[in-house]
Amino acid sequence: MKKASLAGAFFMSAIWLSSAQAFCPAPVGLASVQVQRVVDGDTLRLTDGRSVRMIGLNAPELGKKGRTDEPFAVAARQRLQALVKASNGRVGLLPGRESKDHYGRTLAHVYGADGANLEAQLLAEGLGYQVAVAPNVDLFSCQQAAERSARQARLGLWRQSSVLKADQIKTSGFALLSGRVSKVQRNRGGVWIELQDSVVLRIAPNLLGQFDVAQLDRLPGQQIEARGWVLDRSRKGGLKSGQARWMLPLTHPGMFQLVQ
């Protein structure tokens, strides 16, 4: 009975991974590059010396400077290694509209030899979170669908709730959080969405055109879920009396949603 169950699980897993390849199919004529090594679950090092940060995916962090690995960080790296190996060490790159990040890494979508988008593959297996940073949002919809499928099936990171309450934020870094909107303010610094006096979400003025302003005005009293990189405003003396210590910049409308 146990053998039959295991065989069934393997069969269903194979179907799942096959269907995951349908997300974000590769465009024609991608440049093929050789991978030197997989750094972590969302970063590759190429033989030409470039580091490639995969667009739309934020994998759990590997432990550094004495810190422990985040859950599924090793699994994400190992899975990306396997996907690269299955492509004989060569992948296709589709550069982003913004081609470099502030660390000098190349920003690109990465594809396997079978045409599967590797970010969507990892998202569909629950081995990373979808992120959207304008202007590199061309594959937002299909990557969102990949993550949603993993979340609904409770795969990987989604086996247990990954969502923190706003008042549970205690450190800077990537977070998926939820809270009730207590206030929405607008000034020269953009739009500020306060969550229960614990975290404030900020939309910079240059990004506001991407958002539904009428929806933002209706947010007070609503429960929302947001994701992104939390900043500690107290570190550089930028925290004024009465302000929330933690700030999460929203980089795209898809980085928050109403919770039903």
C-alpha atoms as a PDB file:
ATOM      1  CA  MET A   1       0.000   0.000   0.000  1.00  0.00           C
ATOM      2  CA  LYS A   2       2.829   2.392   0.875  1.00  0.00           C
ATOM      3  CA  LYS A   3       4.625   1.627  -2.416  1.00  0.00           C
ATOM      4  CA  ALA A   4       1.461   2.355  -4.359  1.00  0.00           C
ATOM      5  CA  SER A   5       1.025   5.667  -2.534  1.00  0.00           C
ATOM      6  CA  LEU A   6       4.604   6.695  -3.238  1.00  0.00           C
ATOM      7  CA  ALA A   7       4.249   5.775  -6.881  1.00  0.00           C
ATOM      8  CA  GLY A   8       1.065   7.807  -7.092  1.00  0.00           C
ATOM      9  CA  ALA A   9       2.758  10.775  -5.452  1.00  0.00           C
ATOM     10  CA  PHE A  10       5.632  10.576  -7.911  1.00  0.00           C
ATOM     11  CA  PHE A  11       3.212  10.369 -10.830  1.00  0.00           C
ATOM     12  CA  MET A  12       1.267  13.415  -9.637  1.00  0.00           C
ATOM     13  CA  SER A  13       4.534  15.309  -9.058  1.00  0.00           C
ATOM     14  CA  ALA A  14       5.620  14.567 -12.612  1.00  0.00           C
ATOM     15  CA  ILE A  15       2.310  15.876 -13.949  1.00  0.00           C
ATOM     16  CA  TRP A  16       2.643  18.977 -11.787  1.00  0.00           C
ATOM     17  CA  LEU A  17       6.155  19.809 -12.958  1.00  0.00           C
ATOM     18  CA  SER A  18       5.160  19.242 -16.565  1.00  0.00           C
ATOM     19  CA  SER A  19       2.222  21.642 -16.233  1.00  0.00           C
ATOM     20  CA  ALA A  20       4.467  24.202 -14.525  1.00  0.00           C
ATOM     21  CA  GLN A  21       6.490  24.468 -17.740  1.00  0.00           C
ATOM     22  CA  ALA A  22       3.459  26.038 -19.436  1.00  0.00           C
ATOM     23  CA  PHE A  23       3.986  29.292 -17.524  1.00  0.00           C
ATOM     24  CA  CYS A  24       5.833  32.120 -19.339  1.00  0.00           C
ATOM     25  CA  PRO A  25       6.990  30.220 -22.476  1.00  0.00           C
ATOM     26  CA  ALA A  26      10.245  31.355 -24.069  1.00  0.00           C
ATOM     27  CA  PRO A  27      10.299  33.884 -26.921  1.00  0.00           C
ATOM     28  CA  VAL A  28      12.107  32.980 -30.132  1.00  0.00           C
ATOM     29  CA  GLY A  29      15.792  33.737 -30.637  1.00  0.00           C
ATOM     30  CA  LEU A  30      17.116  33.967 -27.089  1.00  0.00           C
ATOM     31  CA  ALA A  31      20.868  34.268 -26.631  1.00  0.00           C
ATOM     32  CA  SER A  32      22.315  31.119 -25.039  1.00  0.00           C
ATOM     33  CA  VAL A  33      24.914  31.515 -22.280  1.00  0.00           C
ATOM     34  CA  GLN A  34      27.036  29.117 -20.243  1.00  0.00           C
ATOM     35  CA  VAL A  35      26.485  28.948 -16.493  1.00  0.00           C
ATOM     36  CA  GLN A  36      29.572  28.675 -14.307  1.00  0.00           C
ATOM     37  CA  ARG A  37      27.676  28.063 -11.066  1.00  0.00           C
ATOM     38  CA  VAL A  38      24.384  28.581  -9.280  1.00  0.00           C
ATOM     39  CA  VAL A  39      24.943  31.084  -6.489  1.00  0.00           C
ATOM     40  CA  ASP A  40      21.555  30.666  -4.809  1.00  0.00           C
ATOM     41  CA  GLY A  41      17.916  30.129  -5.715  1.00  0.00           C
ATOM     42  CA  ASP A  42      17.649  33.294  -7.813  1.00  0.00           C
ATOM     43  CA  THR A  43      21.185  34.148  -8.923  1.00  0.00           C
ATOM     44  CA  LEU A  44      23.546  32.633 -11.509  1.00  0.00           C
ATOM     45  CA  ARG A  45      27.207  33.221 -12.257  1.00  0.00           C
ATOM     46  CA  LEU A  46      28.096  32.945 -15.951  1.00  0.00           C
ATOM     47  CA  THR A  47      31.401  31.856 -17.455  1.00  0.00           C
ATOM     48  CA  ASP A  48      31.752  35.329 -19.006  1.00  0.00           C
ATOM     49  CA  GLY A  49      31.934  36.785 -15.483  1.00  0.00           C
ATOM     50  CA  ARG A  50      28.441  38.215 -15.254  1.00  0.00           C
ATOM     51  CA  SER A  51      26.153  37.628 -12.289  1.00  0.00           C
ATOM     52  CA  VAL A  52      22.515  37.253 -13.310  1.00  0.00           C
ATOM     53  CA  ARG A  53      19.685  38.126 -10.934  1.00  0.00           C
ATOM     54  CA  MET A  54      16.511  36.410 -12.111  1.00  0.00           C
ATOM     55  CA  ILE A  55      13.612  38.817 -12.639  1.00  0.00           C
ATOM     56  CA  GLY A  56      10.371  38.287 -10.753  1.00  0.00           C
ATOM     57  CA  LEU A  57      11.682  35.748  -8.239  1.00  0.00           C
ATOM     58  CA  ASN A  58      12.941  36.176  -4.703  1.00  0.00           C
ATOM     59  CA  ALA A  59      14.244  32.898  -3.307  1.00  0.00           C
ATOM     60  CA  PRO A  60      14.851  32.355   0.428  1.00  0.00           C
ATOM     61  CA  GLU A  61      18.264  33.550   1.604  1.00  0.00           C
ATOM     62  CA  LEU A  62      21.167  31.225   2.302  1.00  0.00           C
ATOM     63  CA  GLY A  63      22.845  31.795   5.647  1.00  0.00           C
ATOM     64  CA  LYS A  64      25.714  34.297   5.673  1.00  0.00           C
ATOM     65  CA  LYS A  65      27.936  35.714   8.405  1.00  0.00           C
ATOM     66  CA  GLY A  66      26.845  33.077  10.892  1.00  0.00           C
ATOM     67  CA  ARG A  67      23.137  33.290  10.072  1.00  0.00           C
ATOM     68  CA  THR A  68      21.131  30.156   9.435  1.00  0.00           C
ATOM     69  CA  ASP A  69      19.627  29.357   6.055  1.00  0.00           C
ATOM     70  CA  GLU A  70      16.039  30.489   5.583  1.00  0.00           C
ATOM     71  CA  PRO A  71      13.533  27.641   5.047  1.00  0.00           C
ATOM     72  CA  PHE A  72      13.792  26.152   1.542  1.00  0.00           C
ATOM     73  CA  ALA A  73      16.870  28.241   0.659  1.00  0.00           C
ATOM     74  CA  VAL A  74      19.009  25.143   0.054  1.00  0.00           C
ATOM     75  CA  ALA A  75      16.155  23.384  -1.758  1.00  0.00           C
ATOM     76  CA  ALA A  76      15.734  26.384  -4.084  1.00  0.00           C
ATOM     77  CA  ARG A  77      19.430  26.430  -4.964  1.00  0.00           C
ATOM     78  CA  GLN A  78      19.516  22.683  -5.514  1.00  0.00           C
ATOM     79  CA  ARG A  79      16.442  22.819  -7.728  1.00  0.00           C
ATOM     80  CA  LEU A  80      17.928  25.628  -9.821  1.00  0.00           C
ATOM     81  CA  GLN A  81      21.152  23.623 -10.098  1.00  0.00           C
ATOM     82  CA  ALA A  82      19.156  20.653 -11.362  1.00  0.00           C
ATOM     83  CA  LEU A  83      17.293  22.778 -13.905  1.00  0.00           C
ATOM     84  CA  VAL A  84      20.554  24.244 -15.215  1.00  0.00           C
ATOM     85  CA  LYS A  85      22.129  20.796 -15.365  1.00  0.00           C
ATOM     86  CA  ALA A  86      19.126  19.491 -17.317  1.00  0.00           C
ATOM     87  CA  SER A  87      19.910  22.209 -19.889  1.00  0.00           C
ATOM     88  CA  ASN A  88      23.542  21.029 -20.150  1.00  0.00           C
ATOM     89  CA  GLY A  89      24.724  24.091 -18.281  1.00  0.00           C
ATOM     90  CA  ARG A  90      23.381  26.540 -20.863  1.00  0.00           C
ATOM     91  CA  VAL A  91      20.372  28.839 -20.434  1.00  0.00           C
ATOM     92  CA  GLY A  92      18.628  31.468 -22.492  1.00  0.00           C
ATOM     93  CA  LEU A  93      18.552  35.052 -21.259  1.00  0.00           C
ATOM     94  CA  LEU A  94      15.896  37.703 -21.859  1.00  0.00           C
ATOM     95  CA  PRO A  95      17.309  40.974 -20.438  1.00  0.00           C
ATOM     96  CA  GLY A  96      14.996  43.230 -18.479  1.00  0.00           C
ATOM     97  CA  ARG A  97      13.952  46.722 -19.525  1.00  0.00           C
ATOM     98  CA  GLU A  98      16.250  47.806 -16.723  1.00  0.00           C
ATOM     99  CA  SER A  99      19.356  45.727 -17.384  1.00  0.00           C
ATOM    100  CA  LYS A 100      21.330  46.157 -14.130  1.00  0.00           C
ATOM    101  CA  ASP A 101      20.557  46.346 -10.439  1.00  0.00           C
ATOM    102  CA  HIS A 102      22.355  48.550  -7.923  1.00  0.00           C
ATOM    103  CA  TYR A 103      24.842  45.737  -7.257  1.00  0.00           C
ATOM    104  CA  GLY A 104      25.837  45.674 -10.933  1.00  0.00           C
ATOM    105  CA  ARG A 105      24.173  42.313 -11.584  1.00  0.00           C
ATOM    106  CA  THR A 106      22.496  41.613 -14.917  1.00  0.00           C
ATOM    107  CA  LEU A 107      18.712  41.531 -14.595  1.00  0.00           C
ATOM    108  CA  ALA A 108      17.153  38.925 -16.878  1.00  0.00           C
ATOM    109  CA  HIS A 109      14.527  36.247 -17.300  1.00  0.00           C
ATOM    110  CA  VAL A 110      16.168  32.834 -17.549  1.00  0.00           C
ATOM    111  CA  TYR A 111      14.969  29.914 -19.694  1.00  0.00           C
ATOM    112  CA  GLY A 112      15.909  26.259 -19.850  1.00  0.00           C
ATOM    113  CA  ALA A 113      16.640  24.289 -23.010  1.00  0.00           C
ATOM    114  CA  ASP A 114      13.017  23.080 -23.042  1.00  0.00           C
ATOM    115  CA  GLY A 115      11.743  26.668 -23.206  1.00  0.00           C
ATOM    116  CA  ALA A 116      10.528  26.761 -19.595  1.00  0.00           C
ATOM    117  CA  ASN A 117      10.945  29.997 -17.691  1.00  0.00           C
ATOM    118  CA  LEU A 118      13.037  29.039 -14.675  1.00  0.00           C
ATOM    119  CA  GLU A 119      11.632  31.749 -12.412  1.00  0.00           C
ATOM    120  CA  ALA A 120       8.093  30.510 -13.072  1.00  0.00           C
ATOM    121  CA  GLN A 121       9.242  26.916 -12.555  1.00  0.00           C
ATOM    122  CA  LEU A 122      10.590  27.710  -9.096  1.00  0.00           C
ATOM    123  CA  LEU A 123       7.522  29.777  -8.234  1.00  0.00           C
ATOM    124  CA  ALA A 124       5.244  26.925  -9.324  1.00  0.00           C
ATOM    125  CA  GLU A 125       7.108  24.585  -6.970  1.00  0.00           C
ATOM    126  CA  GLY A 126       6.879  26.948  -3.995  1.00  0.00           C
ATOM    127  CA  LEU A 127      10.610  27.661  -3.898  1.00  0.00           C
ATOM    128  CA  GLY A 128      10.434  31.438  -4.017  1.00  0.00           C
ATOM    129  CA  TYR A 129       8.193  34.470  -3.834  1.00  0.00           C
ATOM    130  CA  GLN A 130       7.070  36.498  -6.788  1.00  0.00           C
ATOM    131  CA  VAL A 131       8.279  40.090  -6.789  1.00  0.00           C
ATOM    132  CA  ALA A 132       7.601  42.917  -9.218  1.00  0.00           C
ATOM    133  CA  VAL A 133       9.926  45.896  -9.588  1.00  0.00           C
ATOM    134  CA  ALA A 134       9.076  48.336 -12.367  1.00  0.00           C
ATOM    135  CA  PRO A 135       9.988  48.547 -15.185  1.00  0.00           C
ATOM    136  CA  ASN A 136      10.838  44.799 -15.247  1.00  0.00           C
ATOM    137  CA  VAL A 137       7.260  43.543 -15.009  1.00  0.00           C
ATOM    138  CA  ASP A 138       6.562  42.125 -18.489  1.00  0.00           C
ATOM    139  CA  LEU A 139       6.030  38.588 -17.142  1.00  0.00           C
ATOM    140  CA  PHE A 140       4.145  39.640 -14.028  1.00  0.00           C
ATOM    141  CA  SER A 141       0.856  37.919 -14.899  1.00  0.00           C
ATOM    142  CA  CYS A 142       2.240  34.505 -15.810  1.00  0.00           C
ATOM    143  CA  GLN A 143       4.640  34.478 -12.866  1.00  0.00           C
ATOM    144  CA  GLN A 144       1.776  35.449 -10.577  1.00  0.00           C
ATOM    145  CA  ALA A 145      -0.206  32.488 -11.905  1.00  0.00           C
ATOM    146  CA  ALA A 146       2.753  30.197 -11.209  1.00  0.00           C
ATOM    147  CA  GLU A 147       3.031  31.337  -7.600  1.00  0.00           C
ATOM    148  CA  ARG A 148      -0.729  31.167  -7.108  1.00  0.00           C
ATOM    149  CA  SER A 149      -0.789  27.536  -8.227  1.00  0.00           C
ATOM    150  CA  ALA A 150       1.896  26.625  -5.668  1.00  0.00           C
ATOM    151  CA  ARG A 151       0.118  28.530  -2.929  1.00  0.00           C
ATOM    152  CA  GLN A 152      -3.194  26.813  -3.615  1.00  0.00           C
ATOM    153  CA  ALA A 153      -1.472  23.405  -3.597  1.00  0.00           C
ATOM    154  CA  ARG A 154       0.529  24.284  -0.434  1.00  0.00           C
ATOM    155  CA  LEU A 155       3.860  23.443  -2.009  1.00  0.00           C
ATOM    156  CA  GLY A 156       7.239  24.366  -0.565  1.00  0.00           C
ATOM    157  CA  LEU A 157       7.120  27.714   1.221  1.00  0.00           C
ATOM    158  CA  TRP A 158       3.342  27.552   1.220  1.00  0.00           C
ATOM    159  CA  ARG A 159       3.064  24.333   3.287  1.00  0.00           C
ATOM    160  CA  GLN A 160       2.582  26.658   6.232  1.00  0.00           C
ATOM    161  CA  SER A 161       1.563  30.290   6.220  1.00  0.00           C
ATOM    162  CA  SER A 162       4.444  32.545   5.164  1.00  0.00           C
ATOM    163  CA  VAL A 163       2.491  35.698   5.991  1.00  0.00           C
ATOM    164  CA  LEU A 164       3.537  37.738   9.035  1.00  0.00           C
ATOM    165  CA  LYS A 165       1.274  40.136  10.867  1.00  0.00           C
ATOM    166  CA  ALA A 166       2.448  43.732  10.562  1.00  0.00           C
ATOM    167  CA  ASP A 167       3.265  43.930  14.273  1.00  0.00           C
ATOM    168  CA  GLN A 168       5.483  40.828  13.980  1.00  0.00           C
ATOM    169  CA  ILE A 169       8.059  42.621  11.812  1.00  0.00           C
ATOM    170  CA  LYS A 170      11.253  42.842  13.861  1.00  0.00           C
ATOM    171  CA  THR A 171      13.993  43.115  11.246  1.00  0.00           C
ATOM    172  CA  SER A 172      14.691  44.522   7.811  1.00  0.00           C
ATOM    173  CA  GLY A 173      14.713  42.349   4.702  1.00  0.00           C
ATOM    174  CA  PHE A 174      12.165  40.689   2.462  1.00  0.00           C
ATOM    175  CA  ALA A 175       8.787  40.032   4.044  1.00  0.00           C
ATOM    176  CA  LEU A 176       5.260  38.986   3.169  1.00  0.00           C
ATOM    177  CA  LEU A 177       2.976  40.658   5.684  1.00  0.00           C
ATOM    178  CA  SER A 178      -0.636  41.503   6.384  1.00  0.00           C
ATOM    179  CA  GLY A 179      -2.396  44.162   8.381  1.00  0.00           C
ATOM    180  CA  ARG A 180      -5.375  46.474   8.578  1.00  0.00           C
ATOM    181  CA  VAL A 181      -4.943  49.890   6.993  1.00  0.00           C
ATOM    182  CA  SER A 182      -5.340  52.612   9.608  1.00  0.00           C
ATOM    183  CA  LYS A 183      -4.537  55.638   7.437  1.00  0.00           C
ATOM    184  CA  VAL A 184      -3.581  56.697   3.913  1.00  0.00           C
ATOM    185  CA  GLN A 185      -1.701  59.971   3.456  1.00  0.00           C
ATOM    186  CA  ARG A 186      -0.304  61.750   0.420  1.00  0.00           C
ATOM    187  CA  ASN A 187       2.486  64.331   0.331  1.00  0.00           C
ATOM    188  CA  ARG A 188       5.550  65.272  -1.694  1.00  0.00           C
ATOM    189  CA  GLY A 189       7.157  61.990  -0.667  1.00  0.00           C
ATOM    190  CA  GLY A 190       4.398  59.935  -2.290  1.00  0.00           C
ATOM    191  CA  VAL A 191       1.552  57.913  -0.792  1.00  0.00           C
ATOM    192  CA  TRP A 192       1.909  56.423   2.690  1.00  0.00           C
ATOM    193  CA  ILE A 193      -0.288  53.502   3.785  1.00  0.00           C
ATOM    194  CA  GLU A 194      -0.115  52.844   7.523  1.00  0.00           C
ATOM    195  CA  LEU A 195      -0.757  49.356   8.903  1.00  0.00           C
ATOM    196  CA  GLN A 196      -1.812  49.401  12.557  1.00  0.00           C
ATOM    197  CA  ASP A 197       0.997  51.808  13.571  1.00  0.00           C
ATOM    198  CA  SER A 198       3.537  49.032  12.921  1.00  0.00           C
ATOM    199  CA  VAL A 199       4.526  49.287   9.252  1.00  0.00           C
ATOM    200  CA  VAL A 200       4.032  51.964   6.629  1.00  0.00           C
ATOM    201  CA  LEU A 201       3.899  51.128   2.924  1.00  0.00           C
ATOM    202  CA  ARG A 202       5.280  53.823   0.644  1.00  0.00           C
ATOM    203  CA  ILE A 203       4.553  54.457  -3.035  1.00  0.00           C
ATOM    204  CA  ALA A 204       7.142  56.831  -4.466  1.00  0.00           C
ATOM    205  CA  PRO A 205       5.855  59.758  -6.579  1.00  0.00           C
ATOM    206  CA  ASN A 206       7.464  58.404  -9.769  1.00  0.00           C
ATOM    207  CA  LEU A 207       5.590  55.084  -9.387  1.00  0.00           C
ATOM    208  CA  LEU A 208       2.188  56.442  -8.423  1.00  0.00           C
ATOM    209  CA  GLY A 209       0.970  56.489 -12.042  1.00  0.00           C
ATOM    210  CA  GLN A 210       0.971  52.661 -12.038  1.00  0.00           C
ATOM    211  CA  PHE A 211      -1.504  52.478  -9.143  1.00  0.00           C
ATOM    212  CA  ASP A 212      -5.264  52.936  -8.950  1.00  0.00           C
ATOM    213  CA  VAL A 213      -5.396  56.093  -6.836  1.00  0.00           C
ATOM    214  CA  ALA A 214      -9.133  55.728  -6.170  1.00  0.00           C
ATOM    215  CA  GLN A 215      -8.494  52.239  -4.769  1.00  0.00           C
ATOM    216  CA  LEU A 216      -5.769  53.598  -2.490  1.00  0.00           C
ATOM    217  CA  ASP A 217      -8.171  56.183  -1.071  1.00  0.00           C
ATOM    218  CA  ARG A 218     -10.598  53.382  -0.152  1.00  0.00           C
ATOM    219  CA  LEU A 219      -8.017  51.327   1.762  1.00  0.00           C
ATOM    220  CA  PRO A 220      -8.553  52.603   5.350  1.00  0.00           C
ATOM    221  CA  GLY A 221     -10.222  49.850   7.360  1.00  0.00           C
ATOM    222  CA  GLN A 222      -9.331  47.174   4.793  1.00  0.00           C
ATOM    223  CA  GLN A 223      -7.150  44.135   5.510  1.00  0.00           C
ATOM    224  CA  ILE A 224      -4.338  43.891   2.973  1.00  0.00           C
ATOM    225  CA  GLU A 225      -1.362  41.693   2.215  1.00  0.00           C
ATOM    226  CA  ALA A 226       1.881  43.280   1.012  1.00  0.00           C
ATOM    227  CA  ARG A 227       5.339  42.077   0.095  1.00  0.00           C
ATOM    228  CA  GLY A 228       8.721  43.643  -0.469  1.00  0.00           C
ATOM    229  CA  TRP A 229      11.908  44.668   1.271  1.00  0.00           C
ATOM    230  CA  VAL A 230      11.292  46.161   4.698  1.00  0.00           C
ATOM    231  CA  LEU A 231      13.539  49.069   5.729  1.00  0.00           C
ATOM    232  CA  ASP A 232      14.378  50.183   9.269  1.00  0.00           C
ATOM    233  CA  ARG A 233      13.848  53.942   9.328  1.00  0.00           C
ATOM    234  CA  SER A 234      15.517  54.297  12.732  1.00  0.00           C
ATOM    235  CA  ARG A 235      18.971  53.259  11.461  1.00  0.00           C
ATOM    236  CA  LYS A 236      19.850  56.580   9.842  1.00  0.00           C
ATOM    237  CA  GLY A 237      17.997  58.862  12.192  1.00  0.00           C
ATOM    238  CA  GLY A 238      15.103  59.226   9.799  1.00  0.00           C
ATOM    239  CA  LEU A 239      12.420  58.231  12.294  1.00  0.00           C
ATOM    240  CA  LYS A 240      10.290  61.046  13.684  1.00  0.00           C
ATOM    241  CA  SER A 241       8.029  60.904  16.705  1.00  0.00           C
ATOM    242  CA  GLY A 242       4.810  59.015  15.984  1.00  0.00           C
ATOM    243  CA  GLN A 243       6.121  57.361  12.806  1.00  0.00           C
ATOM    244  CA  ALA A 244       6.234  53.614  12.243  1.00  0.00           C
ATOM    245  CA  ARG A 245       9.764  52.236  12.472  1.00  0.00           C
ATOM    246  CA  TRP A 246       9.359  49.828   9.560  1.00  0.00           C
ATOM    247  CA  MET A 247       8.755  50.956   5.990  1.00  0.00           C
ATOM    248  CA  LEU A 248       8.032  48.752   2.974  1.00  0.00           C
ATOM    249  CA  PRO A 249       8.311  50.483  -0.437  1.00  0.00           C
ATOM    250  CA  LEU A 250       5.708  49.211  -2.923  1.00  0.00           C
ATOM    251  CA  THR A 251       7.337  48.840  -6.339  1.00  0.00           C
ATOM    252  CA  HIS A 252       4.297  47.659  -8.336  1.00  0.00           C
ATOM    253  CA  PRO A 253       0.517  47.282  -7.775  1.00  0.00           C
ATOM    254  CA  GLY A 254       0.986  43.512  -7.694  1.00  0.00           C
ATOM    255  CA  MET A 255       3.024  43.814  -4.497  1.00  0.00           C
ATOM    256  CA  PHE A 256      -0.129  44.224  -2.419  1.00  0.00           C
ATOM    257  CA  GLN A 257      -3.680  42.899  -2.480  1.00  0.00           C
ATOM    258  CA  LEU A 258      -6.874  43.045  -0.476  1.00  0.00           C
ATOM    259  CA  VAL A 259      -7.470  40.078   1.821  1.00  0.00           C
ATOM    260  CA  GLN A 260     -10.996  38.730   1.504  1.00  0.00           C
END
